[in-house]
Amino acid sequence: MTVSYSKKIIKNLKKQVAEKVDNPRWSEVFANCFDNTLETTVKTTADDTFVITGDIPAMWLRDSSAQIKPYLAIATEDEQVKQLIRGLINRQIKCILIDPYANAFNESENGHCYHHDSTEMNGWIWERKYEVDSLCYPIELAYLLWKKTGETTHFTKNFKQAAETIINVFKIEQNHENSSYRFERFGERPEDTLSNNGLGEPCGYTGMTWSGFRPSDDSCTYHYLIPANMFAVVILDYLAEILETMYNDVILAEKARQLKNEIEQGIIEWGVVEYQGKKVYAYEVDGLGNYLLMDDANVPSLLAAPYLGYCSMEDEVYLNTRDLILSDTNPYYFEGNKLKGIGSEHTPKNYVWPIALCIQGLTTEDQTEKVELLNTLVQTDAGTNHMHEGINVNDPAQYTREWFSWANMMFCTLLLDYLKITN
């Protein structure tokens, strides 16, 4: 895969990092990870940019955004990098217009897919697990590109159509029983399918929008996924601003704001619960009184709420939630001899995800905690100079995925944040 960009800009950034780091291993891993995504996952065409997730030949809307987001740090200095990001947004918008319920897409209409599922497939779709965050990430990237570089050419007629599609899907999924979306996968792990003939578990109306699956691609237990709804609140605000400023469409902008308010009210009324006398955010609720107290490594997560722009790091409910999910009250919090942190149902027990460790560092003002996390990350890479998906808390030589581009770029994001070289 080839991509045009100025290697001098990359080299200068790596030099800047090397001169500022406290630990030379940080810059060594950074240099490897920052290059790796461009060299191994990005393919530019005459029209757009296609970004594979890593060791799978498909593009996830979520992962591709997270993989490319750190390059905003140099987008103002290099037109080709800016064009690469703009190209990815154009491809993501194309994908959303093909099917807003799909989470992963093929480079061409080749009919490849992960599994032959019972759902409405077409030749472009690699997987059709509906996840709210899949529609949030491309909007975040488009908004940040505009705000950080002044670029506006990605706000096309298709972008506006995709924005309207996203708003409509979120509206439909406030009452999921009225939705046509169904998904069943047979012969695989139970987390890969939806119950109730593909409809999912029953839900009551809350104002929030329904999600079939988590950003881990595992099915929700209760289908109002609070972190995903938090992200939806943020990007609906972005969309309202884009629609007013770039398209002068005050009616659609108001529709976005109204939906944002309904979802946010739903989070406040249903997503905040009491635990040991303190208010905390639940991970999932169903609007019928059931909820889960947990967090998952994949982003959006509860831990990531300030990173996503939903709340401040000092928010009381967030801080209470942070204490809970960074403890063994969270069934996916693991602690061992070598590291501790949040893992996922998606990987084995006692496997912590570098992505979660990076988010932990990105949601604290404590520089000492950031240093500890950066040291842990480079000490547990099993000598690969890459970040993995999950790592055994007692033996870093045991890990899942040899390299994982999203995790690589989250490490870069944390280090740039610590060094105050912001993106």
Protein backbone atom coordinates (compact mmCIF):
# COMPACT_ATOMS: atom_id res chain seq x y z
CA MET A 1 0.00 0.00 0.00
CA THR A 2 1.38 3.38 -0.95
CA VAL A 3 0.53 6.87 0.21
CA SER A 4 2.05 10.24 -0.66
CA TYR A 5 3.11 12.43 2.24
CA SER A 6 6.13 14.44 3.26
CA LYS A 7 8.55 12.20 5.09
CA LYS A 8 10.38 15.33 6.21
CA ILE A 9 7.37 16.41 8.28
CA ILE A 10 7.16 12.96 9.89
CA LYS A 11 10.90 12.97 10.52
CA ASN A 12 10.73 16.40 12.16
CA LEU A 13 7.91 15.30 14.46
CA LYS A 14 9.79 12.15 15.49
CA LYS A 15 12.89 14.29 16.17
CA GLN A 16 10.81 16.67 18.27
CA VAL A 17 9.44 13.74 20.26
CA ALA A 18 12.90 12.20 20.74
CA GLU A 19 14.25 15.49 22.12
CA LYS A 20 11.46 15.82 24.68
CA VAL A 21 10.94 12.30 26.03
CA ASP A 22 11.91 11.17 29.53
CA ASN A 23 12.42 7.58 28.36
CA PRO A 24 14.15 6.81 25.01
CA ARG A 25 11.92 3.75 24.58
CA TRP A 26 8.94 6.07 24.25
CA SER A 27 10.34 7.73 21.14
CA GLU A 28 11.49 4.37 19.75
CA VAL A 29 7.98 2.92 19.96
CA PHE A 30 6.42 6.18 18.79
CA ALA A 31 8.61 6.29 15.67
CA ASN A 32 7.68 2.72 14.81
CA CYS A 33 3.95 3.13 15.44
CA PHE A 34 3.58 6.54 13.77
CA ASP A 35 5.19 5.25 10.57
CA ASN A 36 3.50 1.87 10.65
CA THR A 37 -0.07 3.01 10.08
CA LEU A 38 0.83 5.02 6.99
CA GLU A 39 3.08 2.30 5.64
CA THR A 40 0.86 -0.73 6.18
CA THR A 41 -2.82 0.24 6.43
CA VAL A 42 -3.42 3.21 4.12
CA LYS A 43 -4.21 3.06 0.40
CA THR A 44 -4.88 6.24 -1.54
CA THR A 45 -6.86 6.22 -4.77
CA ALA A 46 -7.70 9.00 -7.21
CA ASP A 47 -10.90 9.66 -5.25
CA ASP A 48 -10.36 8.80 -1.62
CA THR A 49 -8.43 6.92 1.08
CA PHE A 50 -9.06 3.36 2.24
CA VAL A 51 -7.66 2.30 5.63
CA ILE A 52 -7.63 -1.32 6.76
CA THR A 53 -7.79 -2.10 10.48
CA GLY A 54 -4.55 -4.08 10.49
CA ASP A 55 -4.52 -7.82 10.04
CA ILE A 56 -7.99 -7.85 8.41
CA PRO A 57 -8.43 -6.59 4.81
CA ALA A 58 -11.49 -4.46 5.63
CA MET A 59 -12.09 -0.91 6.83
CA TRP A 60 -13.98 -0.23 10.04
CA LEU A 61 -15.53 3.24 10.25
CA ARG A 62 -14.46 3.43 13.91
CA ASP A 63 -10.93 2.06 13.62
CA SER A 64 -10.01 3.99 10.48
CA SER A 65 -10.96 7.28 12.16
CA ALA A 66 -8.96 6.46 15.30
CA GLN A 67 -5.99 5.29 13.20
CA ILE A 68 -5.79 8.51 11.20
CA LYS A 69 -6.83 11.07 13.84
CA PRO A 70 -3.27 11.53 15.28
CA TYR A 71 -2.06 12.78 11.87
CA LEU A 72 -4.09 15.94 12.48
CA ALA A 73 -0.98 16.99 14.44
CA ILE A 74 0.85 17.54 11.13
CA ALA A 75 -2.08 18.18 8.77
CA THR A 76 -1.58 21.95 8.84
CA GLU A 77 2.03 21.50 7.75
CA ASP A 78 1.54 18.99 4.95
CA GLU A 79 -1.12 19.29 2.25
CA GLN A 80 -0.79 15.61 1.35
CA VAL A 81 -1.51 14.49 4.90
CA LYS A 82 -4.53 16.79 4.94
CA GLN A 83 -5.64 15.32 1.62
CA LEU A 84 -5.20 11.80 3.03
CA ILE A 85 -7.52 12.63 5.95
CA ARG A 86 -10.00 14.33 3.64
CA GLY A 87 -9.91 11.26 1.39
CA LEU A 88 -10.71 8.97 4.31
CA ILE A 89 -13.70 11.12 5.27
CA ASN A 90 -14.95 10.97 1.68
CA ARG A 91 -14.68 7.16 1.71
CA GLN A 92 -16.42 6.93 5.09
CA ILE A 93 -19.28 9.11 3.84
CA LYS A 94 -19.61 6.84 0.81
CA CYS A 95 -19.80 3.83 3.14
CA ILE A 96 -22.47 5.42 5.35
CA LEU A 97 -24.58 6.13 2.29
CA ILE A 98 -24.17 2.52 1.14
CA ASP A 99 -25.51 1.26 4.48
CA PRO A 100 -25.58 3.20 7.78
CA TYR A 101 -26.08 -0.05 9.71
CA ALA A 102 -22.78 -1.63 8.60
CA ASN A 103 -19.62 -1.34 10.68
CA ALA A 104 -16.97 -2.58 8.23
CA PHE A 105 -16.56 -2.31 4.46
CA ASN A 106 -14.60 -3.76 1.55
CA GLU A 107 -12.35 -1.66 -0.67
CA SER A 108 -14.46 -2.60 -3.68
CA GLU A 109 -17.83 -4.24 -4.27
CA ASN A 110 -16.18 -7.67 -4.15
CA GLY A 111 -18.67 -9.56 -1.98
CA HIS A 112 -16.10 -10.51 0.66
CA CYS A 113 -17.45 -10.80 4.20
CA TYR A 114 -16.42 -12.03 7.61
CA HIS A 115 -19.38 -14.39 7.89
CA HIS A 116 -22.57 -15.16 5.98
CA ASP A 117 -24.99 -13.55 8.42
CA SER A 118 -28.75 -13.29 8.40
CA THR A 119 -29.12 -9.58 7.65
CA GLU A 120 -29.36 -7.33 4.58
CA MET A 121 -25.92 -7.62 2.99
CA ASN A 122 -24.45 -6.29 -0.23
CA GLY A 123 -21.09 -6.61 -2.01
CA TRP A 124 -19.54 -3.61 -0.26
CA ILE A 125 -20.15 -4.85 3.29
CA TRP A 126 -17.58 -6.86 5.26
CA GLU A 127 -19.73 -6.94 8.39
CA ARG A 128 -23.14 -5.46 9.27
CA LYS A 129 -23.11 -5.15 13.05
CA TYR A 130 -24.92 -1.93 13.90
CA GLU A 131 -22.90 0.15 16.36
CA VAL A 132 -23.80 3.76 17.15
CA ASP A 133 -20.13 4.75 17.30
CA SER A 134 -19.61 3.75 13.64
CA LEU A 135 -21.70 6.79 12.69
CA CYS A 136 -20.02 9.06 15.25
CA TYR A 137 -16.34 8.63 14.42
CA PRO A 138 -16.42 9.95 10.82
CA ILE A 139 -18.31 13.06 11.94
CA GLU A 140 -15.77 13.70 14.71
CA LEU A 141 -12.89 13.38 12.23
CA ALA A 142 -14.59 15.68 9.71
CA TYR A 143 -15.28 18.29 12.39
CA LEU A 144 -11.73 18.19 13.79
CA LEU A 145 -10.19 18.46 10.32
CA TRP A 146 -12.24 21.61 9.77
CA LYS A 147 -11.43 23.14 13.15
CA LYS A 148 -7.72 22.32 13.14
CA THR A 149 -6.86 23.11 9.52
CA GLY A 150 -9.68 25.25 8.14
CA GLU A 151 -10.36 22.60 5.49
CA THR A 152 -13.97 22.60 4.23
CA THR A 153 -13.91 20.79 0.87
CA HIS A 154 -15.05 17.55 2.51
CA PHE A 155 -18.39 19.20 3.32
CA THR A 156 -19.98 18.04 0.09
CA LYS A 157 -23.52 17.28 -0.99
CA ASN A 158 -22.87 13.66 -0.02
CA PHE A 159 -21.68 14.71 3.44
CA LYS A 160 -24.93 16.54 4.07
CA GLN A 161 -26.90 13.52 2.86
CA ALA A 162 -24.92 11.29 5.24
CA ALA A 163 -25.55 13.74 8.09
CA GLU A 164 -29.28 13.57 7.45
CA THR A 165 -29.05 9.76 7.24
CA ILE A 166 -27.28 9.58 10.62
CA ILE A 167 -29.86 11.81 12.28
CA ASN A 168 -32.71 9.74 10.81
CA VAL A 169 -31.17 6.42 11.88
CA PHE A 170 -30.59 7.69 15.42
CA LYS A 171 -34.24 8.85 15.47
CA ILE A 172 -35.56 5.51 14.19
CA GLU A 173 -33.48 3.64 16.77
CA GLN A 174 -35.01 5.60 19.64
CA ASN A 175 -37.88 3.15 19.06
CA HIS A 176 -36.05 0.05 17.90
CA GLU A 177 -39.21 -2.01 17.55
CA ASN A 178 -40.02 0.17 14.51
CA SER A 179 -36.63 -0.54 12.90
CA SER A 180 -36.08 -2.92 9.99
CA TYR A 181 -32.59 -3.82 11.24
CA ARG A 182 -32.07 -7.46 12.20
CA PHE A 183 -28.86 -9.43 12.68
CA GLU A 184 -28.22 -13.10 13.38
CA ARG A 185 -25.02 -15.11 13.13
CA PHE A 186 -25.23 -18.86 13.48
CA GLY A 187 -22.53 -21.31 14.56
CA GLU A 188 -20.28 -18.74 16.23
CA ARG A 189 -19.81 -17.33 19.74
CA PRO A 190 -23.02 -16.02 21.35
CA GLU A 191 -21.61 -12.47 21.57
CA ASP A 192 -21.65 -12.34 17.76
CA THR A 193 -25.40 -12.47 17.32
CA LEU A 194 -28.57 -10.73 18.50
CA SER A 195 -31.28 -12.61 20.39
CA ASN A 196 -35.03 -12.54 19.73
CA ASN A 197 -34.74 -13.50 16.03
CA GLY A 198 -32.16 -10.80 15.43
CA LEU A 199 -34.12 -7.99 17.09
CA GLY A 200 -32.17 -7.97 20.37
CA GLU A 201 -33.45 -7.86 23.93
CA PRO A 202 -36.58 -5.79 24.73
CA CYS A 203 -36.14 -2.09 25.55
CA GLY A 204 -38.32 0.69 26.88
CA TYR A 205 -38.27 4.21 25.43
CA THR A 206 -35.64 6.45 27.06
CA GLY A 207 -34.87 9.10 24.45
CA MET A 208 -31.51 7.42 23.85
CA THR A 209 -30.67 5.63 20.61
CA TRP A 210 -30.36 1.84 20.37
CA SER A 211 -27.15 -0.02 19.52
CA GLY A 212 -26.96 -3.67 18.53
CA PHE A 213 -23.28 -4.06 19.30
CA ARG A 214 -20.52 -2.50 21.37
CA PRO A 215 -17.37 -0.98 19.82
CA SER A 216 -15.77 -4.35 20.61
CA ASP A 217 -18.15 -5.80 17.97
CA ASP A 218 -19.71 -7.90 20.78
CA SER A 219 -23.47 -7.72 21.22
CA CYS A 220 -24.93 -5.47 23.89
CA THR A 221 -26.61 -7.06 26.89
CA TYR A 222 -28.92 -4.04 27.28
CA HIS A 223 -29.15 -2.02 24.10
CA TYR A 224 -28.86 1.56 25.31
CA LEU A 225 -25.08 1.69 25.37
CA ILE A 226 -24.27 4.75 27.50
CA PRO A 227 -20.76 5.55 26.13
CA ALA A 228 -22.06 5.36 22.56
CA ASN A 229 -24.95 7.68 23.43
CA MET A 230 -22.46 10.08 25.04
CA PHE A 231 -20.52 10.12 21.75
CA ALA A 232 -23.78 10.67 19.84
CA VAL A 233 -24.51 13.74 21.99
CA VAL A 234 -21.10 15.19 21.09
CA ILE A 235 -21.29 14.60 17.34
CA LEU A 236 -24.88 15.82 17.05
CA ASP A 237 -23.61 19.12 18.42
CA TYR A 238 -20.84 19.03 15.79
CA LEU A 239 -23.38 18.28 13.07
CA ALA A 240 -25.63 21.16 14.12
CA GLU A 241 -22.69 23.56 13.82
CA ILE A 242 -21.62 22.11 10.46
CA LEU A 243 -25.15 22.23 9.06
CA GLU A 244 -25.66 25.84 10.09
CA THR A 245 -22.22 27.13 9.08
CA MET A 246 -21.46 25.15 5.94
CA TYR A 247 -24.95 24.47 4.54
CA ASN A 248 -27.07 27.23 6.08
CA ASP A 249 -29.65 24.56 6.96
CA VAL A 250 -31.07 25.78 10.25
CA ILE A 251 -33.99 23.31 10.12
CA LEU A 252 -31.79 20.20 9.97
CA ALA A 253 -29.41 21.75 12.50
CA GLU A 254 -32.31 22.22 14.91
CA LYS A 255 -33.37 18.61 14.32
CA ALA A 256 -29.84 17.53 15.31
CA ARG A 257 -29.93 19.68 18.46
CA GLN A 258 -33.34 18.40 19.49
CA LEU A 259 -32.18 14.82 19.10
CA LYS A 260 -29.03 15.62 21.06
CA ASN A 261 -31.15 16.99 23.90
CA GLU A 262 -33.41 13.93 23.93
CA ILE A 263 -30.44 11.55 24.09
CA GLU A 264 -28.68 13.60 26.76
CA GLN A 265 -31.82 13.70 28.88
CA GLY A 266 -32.07 9.92 28.49
CA ILE A 267 -28.49 9.50 29.75
CA ILE A 268 -29.26 11.68 32.78
CA GLU A 269 -32.54 9.93 33.63
CA TRP A 270 -31.61 6.32 32.83
CA GLY A 271 -27.82 6.12 32.55
CA VAL A 272 -26.96 7.56 35.97
CA VAL A 273 -27.47 5.07 38.80
CA GLU A 274 -26.46 4.89 42.45
CA TYR A 275 -23.65 2.64 43.63
CA GLN A 276 -22.55 2.61 47.28
CA GLY A 277 -24.18 5.97 47.87
CA LYS A 278 -22.59 7.66 44.86
CA LYS A 279 -23.95 8.48 41.41
CA VAL A 280 -22.17 6.66 38.58
CA TYR A 281 -22.75 6.03 34.90
CA ALA A 282 -24.00 2.58 33.97
CA TYR A 283 -22.43 0.96 30.90
CA GLU A 284 -25.71 -0.29 29.42
CA VAL A 285 -29.38 0.06 30.34
CA ASP A 286 -32.61 -1.18 28.80
CA GLY A 287 -35.15 1.43 29.91
CA LEU A 288 -36.94 -1.27 31.88
CA GLY A 289 -34.90 -0.97 35.08
CA ASN A 290 -31.96 -3.22 34.20
CA TYR A 291 -28.38 -1.94 33.93
CA LEU A 292 -24.75 -3.09 33.81
CA LEU A 293 -21.98 -1.69 36.00
CA MET A 294 -18.81 -2.30 33.94
CA ASP A 295 -16.61 -0.81 31.26
CA ASP A 296 -14.94 -2.22 28.17
CA ALA A 297 -11.55 -1.32 26.70
CA ASN A 298 -12.96 -0.36 23.32
CA VAL A 299 -13.77 3.31 22.70
CA PRO A 300 -16.32 4.81 23.20
CA SER A 301 -16.07 3.68 26.80
CA LEU A 302 -17.15 5.26 30.06
CA LEU A 303 -13.49 5.91 30.85
CA ALA A 304 -13.22 7.88 27.59
CA ALA A 305 -16.13 10.26 28.26
CA PRO A 306 -13.92 13.37 28.70
CA TYR A 307 -11.66 12.33 25.80
CA LEU A 308 -14.73 12.20 23.56
CA GLY A 309 -15.80 15.64 24.74
CA TYR A 310 -18.89 14.59 26.67
CA CYS A 311 -17.87 15.88 30.11
CA SER A 312 -14.93 17.37 31.97
CA MET A 313 -12.32 15.29 33.79
CA GLU A 314 -13.53 16.91 37.03
CA ASP A 315 -17.18 15.95 36.57
CA GLU A 316 -18.30 14.31 39.83
CA VAL A 317 -20.32 11.51 38.26
CA TYR A 318 -17.45 10.77 35.88
CA LEU A 319 -14.90 10.65 38.72
CA ASN A 320 -17.14 8.29 40.71
CA THR A 321 -17.48 6.12 37.62
CA ARG A 322 -13.74 6.19 36.99
CA ASP A 323 -13.08 4.90 40.51
CA LEU A 324 -15.56 2.09 39.95
CA ILE A 325 -14.36 0.94 36.53
CA LEU A 326 -10.67 1.08 37.55
CA SER A 327 -11.39 -1.43 40.31
CA ASP A 328 -12.39 -5.06 40.52
CA THR A 329 -16.04 -3.98 40.68
CA ASN A 330 -15.67 -3.81 36.91
CA PRO A 331 -15.66 -7.45 35.71
CA TYR A 332 -13.23 -6.47 32.93
CA TYR A 333 -10.66 -4.79 35.17
CA PHE A 334 -7.64 -7.05 35.61
CA GLU A 335 -4.52 -6.73 37.72
CA GLY A 336 -1.38 -8.87 37.64
CA ASN A 337 2.37 -8.82 38.18
CA LYS A 338 3.19 -6.79 35.07
CA LEU A 339 0.26 -4.48 34.45
CA LYS A 340 -3.27 -3.58 35.41
CA GLY A 341 -6.16 -2.02 33.58
CA ILE A 342 -9.31 -2.63 31.59
CA GLY A 343 -9.77 -5.52 29.19
CA SER A 344 -12.75 -6.80 27.26
CA GLU A 345 -15.19 -9.65 26.88
CA HIS A 346 -13.74 -9.78 23.36
CA THR A 347 -10.41 -11.16 24.61
CA PRO A 348 -9.42 -13.71 27.29
CA LYS A 349 -9.72 -13.05 30.99
CA ASN A 350 -6.70 -11.26 32.53
CA TYR A 351 -5.81 -9.52 29.26
CA VAL A 352 -5.51 -5.72 29.52
CA TRP A 353 -5.80 -3.54 26.42
CA PRO A 354 -3.19 -0.85 25.62
CA ILE A 355 -6.05 1.22 24.16
CA ALA A 356 -7.63 1.38 27.63
CA LEU A 357 -4.32 2.29 29.25
CA CYS A 358 -3.91 5.12 26.74
CA ILE A 359 -7.42 6.38 27.43
CA GLN A 360 -6.67 6.26 31.16
CA GLY A 361 -3.72 8.56 30.51
CA LEU A 362 -5.69 10.86 28.21
CA THR A 363 -8.38 11.41 30.85
CA THR A 364 -6.17 12.59 33.71
CA GLU A 365 -4.27 15.81 34.34
CA ASP A 366 -1.80 13.89 36.52
CA GLN A 367 1.50 13.87 34.61
CA THR A 368 2.92 11.25 36.98
CA GLU A 369 0.10 8.86 36.08
CA LYS A 370 0.77 9.49 32.38
CA VAL A 371 4.45 8.66 32.87
CA GLU A 372 3.61 5.42 34.67
CA LEU A 373 1.23 4.40 31.90
CA LEU A 374 3.70 5.23 29.12
CA ASN A 375 6.39 3.21 30.90
CA THR A 376 4.01 0.29 31.33
CA LEU A 377 3.08 0.38 27.64
CA VAL A 378 6.68 0.21 26.38
CA GLN A 379 7.65 -2.40 28.99
CA THR A 380 4.87 -4.78 27.94
CA ASP A 381 5.16 -4.72 24.13
CA ALA A 382 7.04 -8.05 24.15
CA GLY A 383 9.95 -6.39 22.34
CA THR A 384 7.90 -5.77 19.20
CA ASN A 385 7.81 -1.95 19.31
CA HIS A 386 4.09 -2.30 18.56
CA MET A 387 0.98 -2.11 20.68
CA HIS A 388 -1.17 -5.22 20.80
CA GLU A 389 -4.89 -5.75 21.26
CA GLY A 390 -4.76 -7.42 24.69
CA ILE A 391 -1.81 -8.39 26.94
CA ASN A 392 -1.67 -10.99 29.69
CA VAL A 393 -1.31 -9.14 33.01
CA ASN A 394 1.30 -11.63 34.24
CA ASP A 395 3.16 -12.40 31.02
CA PRO A 396 3.45 -9.74 28.28
CA ALA A 397 4.79 -12.38 25.90
CA GLN A 398 1.20 -13.61 25.71
CA TYR A 399 -0.92 -11.20 23.70
CA THR A 400 -3.61 -11.02 21.05
CA ARG A 401 -2.85 -9.55 17.59
CA GLU A 402 0.78 -9.15 16.58
CA TRP A 403 0.07 -5.54 15.68
CA PHE A 404 -3.05 -3.46 15.97
CA SER A 405 -3.02 -0.10 14.21
CA TRP A 406 -5.67 1.52 16.42
CA ALA A 407 -3.66 0.67 19.56
CA ASN A 408 -0.44 1.88 17.92
CA MET A 409 -1.98 5.26 17.21
CA MET A 410 -3.51 5.57 20.68
CA PHE A 411 0.01 5.22 22.11
CA CYS A 412 1.14 8.02 19.78
CA THR A 413 -1.81 10.15 20.90
CA LEU A 414 -0.99 9.68 24.59
CA LEU A 415 2.68 10.52 24.09
CA LEU A 416 1.87 13.65 22.04
CA ASP A 417 -0.57 14.66 24.76
CA TYR A 418 1.99 14.15 27.53
CA LEU A 419 4.60 16.14 25.59
CA LYS A 420 1.95 18.80 24.86
CA ILE A 421 2.41 18.35 21.11
CA THR A 422 -1.34 18.29 20.68
CA ASN A 423 -3.30 17.09 17.68
